[in-house]
Structure formats: C-alpha cells, structure tokens
Amino acid sequence: MACNSSRSATDSLYLTQNHWVLVELQDQPVIHPGPNQQASLEFTAEGNKVVGSTGCNRLFGTYTLSGDEKIKFNGIGSTKMACPDMSGENAFMKALAATNAYGISGKELLLKNDEAVVARLRAEPSK
C-alpha cells in the first residue's frame, strides 16, 4: 500500500510541475493553429488551482485529488472572447466536466471518465 501512496504523491508532484498541452480530445488529434492558441492546463498545489487555455479563452477553477488517481474539476470557468470556431473549446470544457480520474504515463496526462480517456495532454516544462 505504501507503494500506491508514494506513486500518487509522485504523480501529484509531477502534475503540478508541468505545463500540459492538449494533444488529443475524444480520440481525435488536436491541431493547434499557433503556439498562442494551444489548449492547455497548469495545476498549482497551493489552493488546488487549475488555469489554462481552451485555445482561445483562458480557463480557471480548482481541482480535487482523492484516492488512487481520482480527480474532479470544480468551478471551471473561462473568459468569454468570441472565437472563430467554438467546437474545440466546448469539447474541451465538456471533457473537463466529465473527468473523474487521471493517469500519468511517461510525459502524458490522461484525463478519464472512469476508464475511458476523454483527453490526452503532453507535458512541457512550466513557463
């Protein structure tokens, strides 16, 4: 059991030390038009805050980790700038709302709804 809690602590630390860029959503690759238009997440341990981008708008909220690889996003909101295509942004926000578990595999963060992967993000060093 100590191995599991150690792994969870390591995963939690890795979660907060990276800038996570969305690379796949609902089994579909995500193509970013430019570096300033990447959908992404950053986690902060203090206050369990999450911030990021939908690819157009800034997003913000909090997260709760519980048990083994369980995560819940709370109060997720975003700015309301008009974007040329809102479908990717809407799908990303829905994926975050559906997420109840996560996994870390190498440099990838898998956001899951039970066992189904709803979003895959790639780790980049925090900015």
C-alpha atoms as a PDB file:
ATOM      1  CA  MET A   1       0.000   0.000   0.000  1.00  0.00           C
ATOM      2  CA  ALA A   2       2.873   2.376   0.677  1.00  0.00           C
ATOM      3  CA  CYS A   3       3.860   1.925  -2.948  1.00  0.00           C
ATOM      4  CA  ASN A   4       0.482   3.243  -4.111  1.00  0.00           C
ATOM      5  CA  SER A   5       0.568   6.309  -1.869  1.00  0.00           C
ATOM      6  CA  SER A   6       4.143   7.026  -2.928  1.00  0.00           C
ATOM      7  CA  ARG A   7       3.133   6.754  -6.587  1.00  0.00           C
ATOM      8  CA  SER A   8       0.150   9.057  -6.019  1.00  0.00           C
ATOM      9  CA  ALA A   9       2.367  11.604  -4.277  1.00  0.00           C
ATOM     10  CA  THR A  10       4.869  11.414  -7.143  1.00  0.00           C
ATOM     11  CA  ASP A  11       2.088  11.758  -9.745  1.00  0.00           C
ATOM     12  CA  SER A  12       0.621  14.718  -7.849  1.00  0.00           C
ATOM     13  CA  LEU A  13       4.030  16.432  -7.773  1.00  0.00           C
ATOM     14  CA  TYR A  14       4.576  15.729 -11.488  1.00  0.00           C
ATOM     15  CA  LEU A  15       1.085  17.076 -12.189  1.00  0.00           C
ATOM     16  CA  THR A  16       1.957  20.473 -10.677  1.00  0.00           C
ATOM     17  CA  GLN A  17       5.443  20.786 -12.182  1.00  0.00           C
ATOM     18  CA  ASN A  18       4.397  20.824 -15.823  1.00  0.00           C
ATOM     19  CA  HIS A  19       2.553  22.817 -18.409  1.00  0.00           C
ATOM     20  CA  TRP A  20       0.143  20.340 -20.044  1.00  0.00           C
ATOM     21  CA  VAL A  21      -0.722  20.863 -23.732  1.00  0.00           C
ATOM     22  CA  LEU A  22      -3.816  19.163 -25.144  1.00  0.00           C
ATOM     23  CA  VAL A  23      -2.845  16.721 -27.913  1.00  0.00           C
ATOM     24  CA  GLU A  24      -5.936  14.514 -28.170  1.00  0.00           C
ATOM     25  CA  LEU A  25      -9.617  15.031 -27.365  1.00  0.00           C
ATOM     26  CA  GLN A  26     -12.182  12.210 -27.541  1.00  0.00           C
ATOM     27  CA  ASP A  27      -9.703  10.042 -29.505  1.00  0.00           C
ATOM     28  CA  GLN A  28      -9.122  12.802 -32.092  1.00  0.00           C
ATOM     29  CA  PRO A  29      -5.749  14.561 -32.511  1.00  0.00           C
ATOM     30  CA  VAL A  30      -5.790  18.268 -31.685  1.00  0.00           C
ATOM     31  CA  ILE A  31      -4.139  20.600 -34.186  1.00  0.00           C
ATOM     32  CA  HIS A  32      -3.144  23.966 -32.725  1.00  0.00           C
ATOM     33  CA  PRO A  33      -3.100  26.884 -35.200  1.00  0.00           C
ATOM     34  CA  GLY A  34      -0.205  28.526 -33.344  1.00  0.00           C
ATOM     35  CA  PRO A  35       1.744  28.468 -30.054  1.00  0.00           C
ATOM     36  CA  ASN A  36      -0.523  31.120 -28.507  1.00  0.00           C
ATOM     37  CA  GLN A  37      -3.584  29.074 -29.414  1.00  0.00           C
ATOM     38  CA  GLN A  38      -2.757  25.854 -27.596  1.00  0.00           C
ATOM     39  CA  ALA A  39      -5.351  24.360 -25.277  1.00  0.00           C
ATOM     40  CA  SER A  40      -3.502  23.663 -22.043  1.00  0.00           C
ATOM     41  CA  LEU A  41      -3.666  23.212 -18.268  1.00  0.00           C
ATOM     42  CA  GLU A  42      -1.408  24.118 -15.336  1.00  0.00           C
ATOM     43  CA  PHE A  43      -2.002  22.818 -11.820  1.00  0.00           C
ATOM     44  CA  THR A  44      -0.946  24.561  -8.606  1.00  0.00           C
ATOM     45  CA  ALA A  45      -0.731  22.568  -5.365  1.00  0.00           C
ATOM     46  CA  GLU A  46      -1.361  25.625  -3.187  1.00  0.00           C
ATOM     47  CA  GLY A  47      -5.110  26.113  -3.245  1.00  0.00           C
ATOM     48  CA  ASN A  48      -5.503  23.253  -5.761  1.00  0.00           C
ATOM     49  CA  LYS A  49      -5.928  25.754  -8.583  1.00  0.00           C
ATOM     50  CA  VAL A  50      -6.026  24.933 -12.268  1.00  0.00           C
ATOM     51  CA  VAL A  51      -5.565  27.517 -15.016  1.00  0.00           C
ATOM     52  CA  GLY A  52      -5.042  27.213 -18.708  1.00  0.00           C
ATOM     53  CA  SER A  53      -6.371  27.922 -22.128  1.00  0.00           C
ATOM     54  CA  THR A  54      -9.130  26.498 -24.283  1.00  0.00           C
ATOM     55  CA  GLY A  55      -7.154  27.529 -27.352  1.00  0.00           C
ATOM     56  CA  CYS A  56      -8.915  30.902 -27.417  1.00  0.00           C
ATOM     57  CA  ASN A  57     -10.154  31.743 -23.919  1.00  0.00           C
ATOM     58  CA  ARG A  58      -8.413  31.491 -20.558  1.00  0.00           C
ATOM     59  CA  LEU A  59      -9.838  28.902 -18.189  1.00  0.00           C
ATOM     60  CA  PHE A  60      -9.679  28.709 -14.407  1.00  0.00           C
ATOM     61  CA  GLY A  61     -11.024  26.725 -11.476  1.00  0.00           C
ATOM     62  CA  THR A  62      -9.933  24.248  -8.847  1.00  0.00           C
ATOM     63  CA  TYR A  63      -9.347  20.528  -8.669  1.00  0.00           C
ATOM     64  CA  THR A  64      -9.592  17.855  -6.001  1.00  0.00           C
ATOM     65  CA  LEU A  65      -7.427  14.745  -5.883  1.00  0.00           C
ATOM     66  CA  SER A  66      -8.746  11.805  -3.900  1.00  0.00           C
ATOM     67  CA  GLY A  67      -7.999   8.137  -3.603  1.00  0.00           C
ATOM     68  CA  ASP A  68      -5.855   6.479  -6.209  1.00  0.00           C
ATOM     69  CA  GLU A  69      -5.775   8.622  -9.379  1.00  0.00           C
ATOM     70  CA  LYS A  70      -9.149  10.290  -8.793  1.00  0.00           C
ATOM     71  CA  ILE A  71      -9.568  13.917  -9.847  1.00  0.00           C
ATOM     72  CA  LYS A  72     -12.509  16.272 -10.026  1.00  0.00           C
ATOM     73  CA  PHE A  73     -12.520  19.728 -11.571  1.00  0.00           C
ATOM     74  CA  ASN A  74     -14.601  22.296  -9.670  1.00  0.00           C
ATOM     75  CA  GLY A  75     -15.940  25.701 -10.678  1.00  0.00           C
ATOM     76  CA  ILE A  76     -14.320  25.600 -14.093  1.00  0.00           C
ATOM     77  CA  GLY A  77     -14.993  28.832 -15.946  1.00  0.00           C
ATOM     78  CA  SER A  78     -13.478  30.800 -18.778  1.00  0.00           C
ATOM     79  CA  THR A  79     -13.257  34.225 -20.277  1.00  0.00           C
ATOM     80  CA  LYS A  80     -15.825  34.891 -23.000  1.00  0.00           C
ATOM     81  CA  MET A  81     -13.943  36.164 -26.042  1.00  0.00           C
ATOM     82  CA  ALA A  82     -15.528  35.377 -29.395  1.00  0.00           C
ATOM     83  CA  CYS A  83     -13.593  32.666 -31.181  1.00  0.00           C
ATOM     84  CA  PRO A  84     -13.813  31.697 -34.867  1.00  0.00           C
ATOM     85  CA  ASP A  85     -14.662  28.080 -34.008  1.00  0.00           C
ATOM     86  CA  MET A  86     -16.035  27.248 -30.559  1.00  0.00           C
ATOM     87  CA  SER A  87     -16.401  23.480 -31.150  1.00  0.00           C
ATOM     88  CA  GLY A  88     -12.933  22.541 -29.812  1.00  0.00           C
ATOM     89  CA  GLU A  89     -13.299  24.825 -26.810  1.00  0.00           C
ATOM     90  CA  ASN A  90     -16.737  23.423 -25.990  1.00  0.00           C
ATOM     91  CA  ALA A  91     -15.493  19.834 -26.328  1.00  0.00           C
ATOM     92  CA  PHE A  92     -12.511  20.536 -24.023  1.00  0.00           C
ATOM     93  CA  MET A  93     -14.755  22.091 -21.371  1.00  0.00           C
ATOM     94  CA  LYS A  94     -17.132  19.080 -21.597  1.00  0.00           C
ATOM     95  CA  ALA A  95     -14.177  16.705 -21.218  1.00  0.00           C
ATOM     96  CA  LEU A  96     -13.033  18.523 -18.064  1.00  0.00           C
ATOM     97  CA  ALA A  97     -16.569  18.355 -16.641  1.00  0.00           C
ATOM     98  CA  ALA A  98     -16.730  14.598 -17.358  1.00  0.00           C
ATOM     99  CA  THR A  99     -13.297  13.826 -15.871  1.00  0.00           C
ATOM    100  CA  ASN A 100     -13.279  11.780 -12.664  1.00  0.00           C
ATOM    101  CA  ALA A 101      -9.909  10.027 -12.913  1.00  0.00           C
ATOM    102  CA  TYR A 102      -6.455  10.589 -14.336  1.00  0.00           C
ATOM    103  CA  GLY A 103      -3.314   8.709 -15.179  1.00  0.00           C
ATOM    104  CA  ILE A 104       0.237   9.689 -15.942  1.00  0.00           C
ATOM    105  CA  SER A 105       2.103   7.645 -18.491  1.00  0.00           C
ATOM    106  CA  GLY A 106       5.575   8.909 -19.333  1.00  0.00           C
ATOM    107  CA  LYS A 107       5.101  12.544 -20.344  1.00  0.00           C
ATOM    108  CA  GLU A 108       1.354  12.212 -20.889  1.00  0.00           C
ATOM    109  CA  LEU A 109      -1.532  13.144 -18.645  1.00  0.00           C
ATOM    110  CA  LEU A 110      -4.648  11.109 -19.358  1.00  0.00           C
ATOM    111  CA  LEU A 111      -7.925  12.621 -18.207  1.00  0.00           C
ATOM    112  CA  LYS A 112     -10.529   9.891 -17.871  1.00  0.00           C
ATOM    113  CA  ASN A 113     -14.196   9.305 -17.306  1.00  0.00           C
ATOM    114  CA  ASP A 114     -13.868   6.041 -15.402  1.00  0.00           C
ATOM    115  CA  GLU A 115     -11.626   4.012 -17.759  1.00  0.00           C
ATOM    116  CA  ALA A 116     -12.362   5.944 -20.980  1.00  0.00           C
ATOM    117  CA  VAL A 117      -9.739   8.550 -21.892  1.00  0.00           C
ATOM    118  CA  VAL A 118     -11.514  11.836 -22.697  1.00  0.00           C
ATOM    119  CA  ALA A 119      -8.364  13.959 -23.147  1.00  0.00           C
ATOM    120  CA  ARG A 120      -4.639  13.381 -23.548  1.00  0.00           C
ATOM    121  CA  LEU A 121      -2.143  16.125 -22.707  1.00  0.00           C
ATOM    122  CA  ARG A 122       1.640  16.280 -23.177  1.00  0.00           C
ATOM    123  CA  ALA A 123       3.986  17.639 -20.512  1.00  0.00           C
ATOM    124  CA  GLU A 124       6.100  20.660 -21.264  1.00  0.00           C
ATOM    125  CA  PRO A 125       8.234  22.472 -18.677  1.00  0.00           C
ATOM    126  CA  SER A 126       6.250  25.089 -16.727  1.00  0.00           C
ATOM    127  CA  LYS A 127       6.623  28.584 -18.093  1.00  0.00           C
END
